[in-house]
């Protein structure tokens, strides 16, 4: 897999097949990027489960926060990594352990060793991208540069 460039079909397939996202590094602070991404993805029909050991047991956007991926008592389709590149290695190992289908590392997060381990275990991997941005871009909700293209829809979750 070339992790410097992803085909739209690859990203589209991941987003279509994903129902439950575990967001590692989710924040309860309303002005943090993870909070915006979580809120957006929830509004598009995804279930987003926050993972943050400092917030464990609390709620973020109506969802119970777990300390680790292993603590989540249900199946996870995607693990969205809002941690630094170094921390992504341990998160990848946990994603493999819980049987996630996709490991997605946020903008600025790249760990090639973690990606190799995850792919060897059968996970799809995306690095240095944001699912919020990719969903918006592929559904034509926002343009490539993040500008609203004027496409209006009453659908809750656009087909991508």
N, C-alpha and C. Protein backbone atom coordinates (compact mmCIF):
# COMPACT_ATOMS: atom_id res chain seq x y z
N UNK A 1 0.86 -1.19 0.00
CA UNK A 1 0.00 0.00 0.00
C UNK A 1 0.89 1.23 0.00
N UNK A 2 0.57 2.16 -0.87
CA UNK A 2 1.27 3.44 -0.91
C UNK A 2 0.57 4.39 0.05
N UNK A 3 1.21 4.67 1.18
CA UNK A 3 0.59 5.52 2.19
C UNK A 3 0.85 7.01 1.98
N UNK A 4 1.40 7.34 0.83
CA UNK A 4 1.55 8.75 0.48
C UNK A 4 0.37 9.24 -0.34
N UNK A 5 -0.38 8.29 -0.90
CA UNK A 5 -1.52 8.63 -1.74
C UNK A 5 -2.55 7.51 -1.65
N UNK A 6 -3.80 7.87 -1.45
CA UNK A 6 -4.88 6.88 -1.37
C UNK A 6 -5.88 7.14 -2.48
N UNK A 7 -6.30 6.05 -3.12
CA UNK A 7 -7.37 6.17 -4.12
C UNK A 7 -8.66 6.51 -3.40
N UNK A 8 -9.48 7.33 -4.03
CA UNK A 8 -10.78 7.67 -3.45
C UNK A 8 -11.61 6.42 -3.19
N UNK A 9 -11.50 5.43 -4.06
CA UNK A 9 -12.29 4.20 -3.89
C UNK A 9 -11.91 3.47 -2.59
N UNK A 10 -10.65 3.50 -2.22
CA UNK A 10 -10.19 2.87 -0.99
C UNK A 10 -10.79 3.58 0.23
N UNK A 11 -10.71 4.90 0.25
CA UNK A 11 -11.26 5.68 1.36
C UNK A 11 -12.78 5.52 1.41
N UNK A 12 -13.42 5.58 0.25
CA UNK A 12 -14.87 5.46 0.16
C UNK A 12 -15.34 4.10 0.71
N UNK A 13 -14.63 3.03 0.37
CA UNK A 13 -14.98 1.70 0.85
C UNK A 13 -14.87 1.62 2.38
N UNK A 14 -13.82 2.18 2.93
CA UNK A 14 -13.65 2.18 4.39
C UNK A 14 -14.82 2.91 5.04
N UNK A 15 -15.13 4.10 4.55
CA UNK A 15 -16.20 4.90 5.16
C UNK A 15 -17.57 4.23 5.00
N UNK A 16 -17.80 3.57 3.88
CA UNK A 16 -19.07 2.87 3.67
C UNK A 16 -19.23 1.69 4.61
N UNK A 17 -18.13 0.99 4.87
CA UNK A 17 -18.18 -0.22 5.69
C UNK A 17 -18.10 0.06 7.19
N UNK A 18 -17.83 1.28 7.56
CA UNK A 18 -17.65 1.63 8.97
C UNK A 18 -18.97 2.08 9.59
N UNK A 19 -19.27 1.49 10.73
CA UNK A 19 -20.44 1.91 11.51
C UNK A 19 -20.02 2.42 12.88
N UNK A 20 -19.02 1.75 13.50
CA UNK A 20 -18.57 2.10 14.85
C UNK A 20 -17.10 2.51 14.80
N UNK A 21 -16.84 3.71 15.30
CA UNK A 21 -15.49 4.26 15.34
C UNK A 21 -15.08 4.44 16.79
N UNK A 22 -13.90 3.94 17.14
CA UNK A 22 -13.31 4.23 18.45
C UNK A 22 -12.30 5.35 18.23
N UNK A 23 -12.52 6.49 18.88
CA UNK A 23 -11.66 7.65 18.70
C UNK A 23 -10.69 7.75 19.87
N UNK A 24 -9.45 7.34 19.64
CA UNK A 24 -8.42 7.35 20.67
C UNK A 24 -7.81 8.75 20.74
N UNK A 25 -7.93 9.35 21.92
CA UNK A 25 -7.47 10.72 22.10
C UNK A 25 -8.61 11.73 22.00
N UNK A 26 -9.84 11.24 22.10
CA UNK A 26 -11.00 12.13 22.06
C UNK A 26 -10.94 13.09 23.24
N UNK A 27 -11.39 14.31 23.02
CA UNK A 27 -11.36 15.33 24.05
C UNK A 27 -12.76 15.85 24.35
N UNK A 28 -12.99 16.17 25.62
CA UNK A 28 -14.26 16.79 26.00
C UNK A 28 -14.22 18.30 25.82
N UNK A 29 -13.09 18.82 25.44
CA UNK A 29 -12.92 20.26 25.21
C UNK A 29 -13.52 20.61 23.85
N UNK A 30 -14.57 21.42 23.85
CA UNK A 30 -15.34 21.70 22.63
C UNK A 30 -14.52 22.35 21.52
N UNK A 31 -13.36 22.92 21.83
CA UNK A 31 -12.60 23.58 20.76
C UNK A 31 -11.38 22.77 20.31
N UNK A 32 -11.34 21.49 20.64
CA UNK A 32 -10.27 20.60 20.17
C UNK A 32 -10.71 19.91 18.87
N UNK A 33 -9.78 19.65 17.96
CA UNK A 33 -10.14 19.00 16.69
C UNK A 33 -10.87 17.67 16.86
N UNK A 34 -10.50 16.88 17.87
CA UNK A 34 -11.16 15.58 18.05
C UNK A 34 -12.64 15.77 18.39
N UNK A 35 -12.97 16.81 19.14
CA UNK A 35 -14.36 17.07 19.50
C UNK A 35 -15.16 17.42 18.24
N UNK A 36 -14.59 18.29 17.39
CA UNK A 36 -15.27 18.66 16.14
C UNK A 36 -15.47 17.44 15.24
N UNK A 37 -14.42 16.64 15.12
CA UNK A 37 -14.50 15.45 14.26
C UNK A 37 -15.54 14.47 14.79
N UNK A 38 -15.54 14.26 16.10
CA UNK A 38 -16.50 13.33 16.70
C UNK A 38 -17.93 13.80 16.47
N UNK A 39 -18.17 15.07 16.72
CA UNK A 39 -19.51 15.63 16.54
C UNK A 39 -19.98 15.50 15.09
N UNK A 40 -19.10 15.82 14.16
CA UNK A 40 -19.43 15.73 12.74
C UNK A 40 -19.76 14.28 12.35
N UNK A 41 -18.89 13.36 12.73
CA UNK A 41 -19.09 11.95 12.36
C UNK A 41 -20.37 11.39 12.98
N UNK A 42 -20.69 11.79 14.20
CA UNK A 42 -21.95 11.37 14.81
C UNK A 42 -23.13 11.87 13.99
N UNK A 43 -23.07 13.10 13.55
CA UNK A 43 -24.17 13.68 12.77
C UNK A 43 -24.31 13.01 11.41
N UNK A 44 -23.27 12.35 10.95
CA UNK A 44 -23.33 11.63 9.68
C UNK A 44 -23.74 10.18 9.86
N UNK A 45 -24.09 9.80 11.09
CA UNK A 45 -24.62 8.47 11.32
C UNK A 45 -23.66 7.45 11.89
N UNK A 46 -22.42 7.84 12.13
CA UNK A 46 -21.46 6.92 12.73
C UNK A 46 -21.65 6.90 14.25
N UNK A 47 -21.41 5.77 14.86
CA UNK A 47 -21.31 5.69 16.32
C UNK A 47 -19.85 5.92 16.64
N UNK A 48 -19.55 6.93 17.44
CA UNK A 48 -18.17 7.25 17.79
C UNK A 48 -17.99 7.06 19.30
N UNK A 49 -17.12 6.15 19.66
CA UNK A 49 -16.85 5.84 21.06
C UNK A 49 -15.53 6.49 21.45
N UNK A 50 -15.57 7.42 22.40
CA UNK A 50 -14.33 8.11 22.81
C UNK A 50 -13.45 7.25 23.71
N UNK A 51 -12.14 7.35 23.49
CA UNK A 51 -11.15 6.64 24.30
C UNK A 51 -10.15 7.66 24.81
N UNK A 52 -10.12 7.80 26.14
CA UNK A 52 -9.20 8.75 26.77
C UNK A 52 -9.11 8.38 28.25
N UNK A 53 -7.95 7.90 28.70
CA UNK A 53 -7.85 7.43 30.09
C UNK A 53 -8.15 8.51 31.14
N UNK A 54 -7.88 9.77 30.83
CA UNK A 54 -8.17 10.86 31.79
C UNK A 54 -9.66 11.16 31.90
N UNK A 55 -10.43 10.76 30.91
CA UNK A 55 -11.87 11.03 30.89
C UNK A 55 -12.72 9.78 31.12
N UNK A 56 -12.06 8.63 31.34
CA UNK A 56 -12.77 7.35 31.45
C UNK A 56 -13.92 7.43 32.45
N UNK A 57 -15.07 6.92 32.03
CA UNK A 57 -16.27 6.93 32.86
C UNK A 57 -17.14 8.15 32.66
N UNK A 58 -16.59 9.20 32.12
CA UNK A 58 -17.37 10.41 31.80
C UNK A 58 -18.06 10.23 30.46
N UNK A 59 -18.75 11.25 30.03
CA UNK A 59 -19.41 11.23 28.72
C UNK A 59 -18.86 12.35 27.86
N UNK A 60 -18.71 12.07 26.59
CA UNK A 60 -18.40 13.09 25.58
C UNK A 60 -19.44 12.94 24.49
N UNK A 61 -20.15 14.01 24.22
CA UNK A 61 -21.20 14.03 23.20
C UNK A 61 -22.14 12.83 23.33
N UNK A 62 -22.50 12.52 24.59
CA UNK A 62 -23.47 11.48 24.88
C UNK A 62 -22.92 10.06 24.92
N UNK A 63 -21.64 9.88 24.65
CA UNK A 63 -21.03 8.55 24.64
C UNK A 63 -20.11 8.37 25.83
N UNK A 64 -20.17 7.21 26.45
CA UNK A 64 -19.28 6.89 27.57
C UNK A 64 -17.85 6.81 27.07
N UNK A 65 -16.94 7.38 27.85
CA UNK A 65 -15.52 7.37 27.51
C UNK A 65 -14.88 6.15 28.16
N UNK A 66 -14.04 5.46 27.39
CA UNK A 66 -13.30 4.30 27.89
C UNK A 66 -11.83 4.65 27.99
N UNK A 67 -11.13 3.97 28.91
CA UNK A 67 -9.71 4.23 29.13
C UNK A 67 -8.85 3.67 28.00
N UNK A 68 -9.23 2.51 27.48
CA UNK A 68 -8.47 1.86 26.41
C UNK A 68 -9.41 1.22 25.42
N UNK A 69 -8.89 0.85 24.27
CA UNK A 69 -9.69 0.13 23.28
C UNK A 69 -10.17 -1.21 23.82
N UNK A 70 -9.32 -1.86 24.58
CA UNK A 70 -9.65 -3.18 25.13
C UNK A 70 -10.85 -3.12 26.07
N UNK A 71 -11.10 -1.96 26.68
CA UNK A 71 -12.22 -1.81 27.61
C UNK A 71 -13.58 -1.69 26.91
N UNK A 72 -13.59 -1.40 25.62
CA UNK A 72 -14.85 -1.20 24.90
C UNK A 72 -15.55 -2.55 24.72
N UNK A 73 -16.81 -2.66 25.19
CA UNK A 73 -17.49 -3.96 25.20
C UNK A 73 -18.23 -4.33 23.91
N UNK A 74 -17.86 -3.73 22.81
CA UNK A 74 -18.52 -4.06 21.55
C UNK A 74 -17.54 -4.03 20.40
N UNK A 75 -17.97 -4.49 19.24
CA UNK A 75 -17.11 -4.53 18.06
C UNK A 75 -16.80 -3.13 17.55
N UNK A 76 -15.61 -2.97 17.06
CA UNK A 76 -15.14 -1.69 16.53
C UNK A 76 -14.76 -1.88 15.07
N UNK A 77 -15.28 -1.03 14.21
CA UNK A 77 -14.91 -1.10 12.80
C UNK A 77 -13.63 -0.32 12.52
N UNK A 78 -13.55 0.89 13.06
CA UNK A 78 -12.40 1.76 12.79
C UNK A 78 -11.84 2.31 14.09
N UNK A 79 -10.52 2.38 14.17
CA UNK A 79 -9.85 3.07 15.26
C UNK A 79 -9.26 4.33 14.66
N UNK A 80 -9.72 5.47 15.14
CA UNK A 80 -9.27 6.79 14.68
C UNK A 80 -8.28 7.32 15.71
N UNK A 81 -7.03 7.54 15.30
CA UNK A 81 -5.95 7.88 16.22
C UNK A 81 -5.71 9.39 16.27
N UNK A 82 -6.12 10.02 17.37
CA UNK A 82 -5.85 11.42 17.66
C UNK A 82 -4.72 11.50 18.68
N UNK A 83 -3.64 10.79 18.43
CA UNK A 83 -2.44 10.80 19.28
C UNK A 83 -1.26 11.06 18.36
N UNK A 84 -0.07 11.24 18.93
CA UNK A 84 1.09 11.49 18.10
C UNK A 84 1.56 10.21 17.40
N UNK A 85 2.48 10.38 16.47
CA UNK A 85 2.95 9.25 15.66
C UNK A 85 3.58 8.15 16.50
N UNK A 86 4.32 8.52 17.51
CA UNK A 86 4.95 7.52 18.37
C UNK A 86 3.90 6.69 19.11
N UNK A 87 2.89 7.34 19.64
CA UNK A 87 1.83 6.64 20.38
C UNK A 87 0.98 5.75 19.47
N UNK A 88 0.98 6.04 18.18
CA UNK A 88 0.16 5.27 17.24
C UNK A 88 0.57 3.80 17.18
N UNK A 89 1.83 3.49 17.53
CA UNK A 89 2.27 2.10 17.51
C UNK A 89 1.51 1.24 18.50
N UNK A 90 1.40 1.70 19.74
CA UNK A 90 0.67 0.96 20.76
C UNK A 90 -0.82 0.90 20.44
N UNK A 91 -1.35 1.98 19.88
CA UNK A 91 -2.77 2.00 19.49
C UNK A 91 -3.01 0.97 18.38
N UNK A 92 -2.07 0.87 17.44
CA UNK A 92 -2.21 -0.13 16.37
C UNK A 92 -2.26 -1.54 16.95
N UNK A 93 -1.40 -1.80 17.91
CA UNK A 93 -1.38 -3.13 18.54
C UNK A 93 -2.71 -3.42 19.23
N UNK A 94 -3.28 -2.42 19.90
CA UNK A 94 -4.58 -2.60 20.54
C UNK A 94 -5.69 -2.79 19.50
N UNK A 95 -5.60 -2.05 18.39
CA UNK A 95 -6.60 -2.19 17.32
C UNK A 95 -6.59 -3.60 16.76
N UNK A 96 -5.40 -4.16 16.61
CA UNK A 96 -5.27 -5.54 16.14
C UNK A 96 -5.89 -6.49 17.17
N UNK A 97 -5.58 -6.26 18.44
CA UNK A 97 -6.05 -7.13 19.52
C UNK A 97 -7.57 -7.17 19.62
N UNK A 98 -8.24 -6.03 19.37
CA UNK A 98 -9.70 -6.00 19.49
C UNK A 98 -10.42 -6.36 18.20
N UNK A 99 -9.67 -6.63 17.14
CA UNK A 99 -10.29 -7.06 15.89
C UNK A 99 -10.89 -5.94 15.05
N UNK A 100 -10.35 -4.73 15.18
CA UNK A 100 -10.82 -3.62 14.34
C UNK A 100 -10.54 -3.94 12.87
N UNK A 101 -11.30 -3.32 11.99
CA UNK A 101 -11.12 -3.54 10.56
C UNK A 101 -10.19 -2.51 9.93
N UNK A 102 -10.15 -1.31 10.54
CA UNK A 102 -9.37 -0.21 9.97
C UNK A 102 -8.63 0.53 11.07
N UNK A 103 -7.39 0.90 10.78
CA UNK A 103 -6.60 1.79 11.62
C UNK A 103 -6.44 3.09 10.84
N UNK A 104 -6.97 4.17 11.38
CA UNK A 104 -6.93 5.47 10.70
C UNK A 104 -6.16 6.45 11.57
N UNK A 105 -5.04 6.95 11.05
CA UNK A 105 -4.22 7.91 11.79
C UNK A 105 -4.51 9.31 11.26
N UNK A 106 -4.78 10.21 12.17
CA UNK A 106 -5.20 11.57 11.84
C UNK A 106 -4.13 12.38 11.13
N UNK A 107 -4.51 13.57 10.70
CA UNK A 107 -3.58 14.49 10.05
C UNK A 107 -2.33 14.68 10.90
N UNK A 108 -1.18 14.56 10.29
CA UNK A 108 0.08 14.71 10.99
C UNK A 108 0.56 13.47 11.71
N UNK A 109 -0.23 12.39 11.67
CA UNK A 109 0.14 11.15 12.36
C UNK A 109 0.52 10.11 11.32
N UNK A 110 1.77 9.65 11.42
CA UNK A 110 2.26 8.62 10.51
C UNK A 110 3.22 7.72 11.28
N UNK A 111 2.97 6.42 11.20
CA UNK A 111 3.84 5.43 11.83
C UNK A 111 3.86 4.22 10.91
N UNK A 112 4.89 4.16 10.08
CA UNK A 112 4.97 3.11 9.06
C UNK A 112 5.10 1.71 9.67
N UNK A 113 5.80 1.59 10.79
CA UNK A 113 5.93 0.29 11.44
C UNK A 113 4.57 -0.19 11.95
N UNK A 114 3.82 0.71 12.55
CA UNK A 114 2.48 0.37 13.04
C UNK A 114 1.58 -0.02 11.86
N UNK A 115 1.69 0.70 10.76
CA UNK A 115 0.90 0.40 9.57
C UNK A 115 1.22 -0.99 9.04
N UNK A 116 2.50 -1.33 9.01
CA UNK A 116 2.92 -2.64 8.53
C UNK A 116 2.35 -3.75 9.40
N UNK A 117 2.41 -3.58 10.72
CA UNK A 117 1.85 -4.58 11.64
C UNK A 117 0.34 -4.72 11.45
N UNK A 118 -0.34 -3.59 11.34
CA UNK A 118 -1.80 -3.61 11.18
C UNK A 118 -2.19 -4.28 9.87
N UNK A 119 -1.51 -3.94 8.79
CA UNK A 119 -1.83 -4.55 7.49
C UNK A 119 -1.54 -6.05 7.50
N UNK A 120 -0.45 -6.45 8.16
CA UNK A 120 -0.13 -7.87 8.26
C UNK A 120 -1.23 -8.63 9.02
N UNK A 121 -1.91 -7.94 9.92
CA UNK A 121 -3.01 -8.55 10.69
C UNK A 121 -4.35 -8.45 9.96
N UNK A 122 -4.35 -7.85 8.76
CA UNK A 122 -5.57 -7.78 7.96
C UNK A 122 -6.35 -6.49 8.04
N UNK A 123 -5.83 -5.48 8.76
CA UNK A 123 -6.52 -4.20 8.85
C UNK A 123 -6.20 -3.33 7.64
N UNK A 124 -7.15 -2.51 7.27
CA UNK A 124 -6.88 -1.44 6.30
C UNK A 124 -6.27 -0.30 7.08
N UNK A 125 -5.39 0.45 6.45
CA UNK A 125 -4.68 1.53 7.14
C UNK A 125 -4.73 2.80 6.32
N UNK A 126 -5.01 3.91 7.01
CA UNK A 126 -4.93 5.24 6.42
C UNK A 126 -4.10 6.08 7.38
N UNK A 127 -3.16 6.86 6.83
CA UNK A 127 -2.33 7.73 7.67
C UNK A 127 -2.38 9.15 7.15
N UNK A 128 -2.23 10.09 8.09
CA UNK A 128 -2.15 11.51 7.77
C UNK A 128 -3.38 12.02 7.02
N UNK A 129 -4.53 11.55 7.42
CA UNK A 129 -5.81 11.99 6.85
C UNK A 129 -6.83 12.09 7.96
N UNK A 130 -7.90 12.81 7.72
CA UNK A 130 -8.98 12.96 8.68
C UNK A 130 -10.26 12.38 8.08
N UNK A 131 -10.92 11.44 8.78
CA UNK A 131 -12.16 10.89 8.22
C UNK A 131 -13.26 11.93 8.05
N UNK A 132 -13.27 12.94 8.91
CA UNK A 132 -14.24 14.02 8.78
C UNK A 132 -14.04 14.74 7.45
N UNK A 133 -12.82 15.10 7.17
CA UNK A 133 -12.50 15.81 5.93
C UNK A 133 -12.76 14.92 4.72
N UNK A 134 -12.33 13.67 4.80
CA UNK A 134 -12.51 12.76 3.67
C UNK A 134 -13.99 12.48 3.41
N UNK A 135 -14.78 12.30 4.46
CA UNK A 135 -16.21 12.09 4.28
C UNK A 135 -16.83 13.30 3.59
N UNK A 136 -16.52 14.49 4.09
CA UNK A 136 -17.05 15.71 3.49
C UNK A 136 -16.64 15.88 2.05
N UNK A 137 -15.39 15.59 1.75
CA UNK A 137 -14.88 15.73 0.38
C UNK A 137 -15.55 14.73 -0.54
N UNK A 138 -15.60 13.47 -0.14
CA UNK A 138 -16.16 12.43 -1.01
C UNK A 138 -17.67 12.52 -1.17
N UNK A 139 -18.35 13.09 -0.18
CA UNK A 139 -19.81 13.26 -0.29
C UNK A 139 -20.15 14.58 -0.96
N UNK A 140 -19.13 15.32 -1.36
CA UNK A 140 -19.27 16.63 -2.01
C UNK A 140 -19.88 17.67 -1.10
N UNK A 141 -19.85 17.39 0.19
CA UNK A 141 -20.34 18.36 1.16
C UNK A 141 -19.41 19.56 1.25
N UNK A 142 -18.14 19.27 1.17
CA UNK A 142 -17.15 20.35 1.12
C UNK A 142 -16.24 20.08 -0.06
N UNK A 143 -15.65 21.12 -0.59
CA UNK A 143 -14.70 20.98 -1.67
C UNK A 143 -13.35 20.54 -1.13
N UNK A 144 -12.43 20.27 -2.02
CA UNK A 144 -11.11 19.79 -1.64
C UNK A 144 -10.41 20.72 -0.66
N UNK A 145 -10.62 22.00 -0.79
CA UNK A 145 -9.97 22.96 0.10
C UNK A 145 -10.83 23.28 1.33
N UNK A 146 -11.91 22.54 1.53
CA UNK A 146 -12.74 22.75 2.70
C UNK A 146 -13.80 23.81 2.51
N UNK A 147 -14.00 24.25 1.30
CA UNK A 147 -14.99 25.28 1.01
C UNK A 147 -16.32 24.61 0.71
N UNK A 148 -17.39 25.14 1.25
CA UNK A 148 -18.72 24.60 1.00
C UNK A 148 -19.04 24.75 -0.48
N UNK A 149 -19.38 23.64 -1.12
CA UNK A 149 -19.66 23.65 -2.55
C UNK A 149 -21.09 24.04 -2.88
N UNK A 150 -21.94 24.21 -1.84
CA UNK A 150 -23.32 24.58 -2.08
C UNK A 150 -24.24 23.39 -2.26
N UNK A 151 -23.73 22.18 -2.15
CA UNK A 151 -24.55 20.99 -2.26
C UNK A 151 -25.36 20.87 -0.97
N UNK A 152 -26.67 20.85 -1.10
CA UNK A 152 -27.53 20.78 0.07
C UNK A 152 -28.32 19.48 0.01
N UNK A 153 -28.41 18.81 1.14
CA UNK A 153 -29.12 17.55 1.18
C UNK A 153 -29.87 17.43 2.50
N UNK A 154 -31.02 16.81 2.45
CA UNK A 154 -31.76 16.55 3.68
C UNK A 154 -31.37 15.21 4.28
N UNK A 155 -30.52 14.46 3.60
CA UNK A 155 -30.08 13.17 4.10
C UNK A 155 -29.14 13.37 5.28
N UNK A 156 -29.27 12.50 6.25
CA UNK A 156 -28.41 12.56 7.42
C UNK A 156 -27.01 12.08 7.11
N UNK A 157 -26.88 11.00 6.39
CA UNK A 157 -25.58 10.44 6.01
C UNK A 157 -25.56 10.31 4.51
N UNK A 158 -24.77 11.10 3.85
CA UNK A 158 -24.69 11.07 2.39
C UNK A 158 -24.05 9.79 1.91
N UNK A 159 -24.51 9.33 0.76
CA UNK A 159 -23.86 8.18 0.12
C UNK A 159 -22.58 8.68 -0.49
N UNK A 160 -21.52 7.93 -0.25
CA UNK A 160 -20.23 8.34 -0.80
C UNK A 160 -19.66 7.32 -1.74
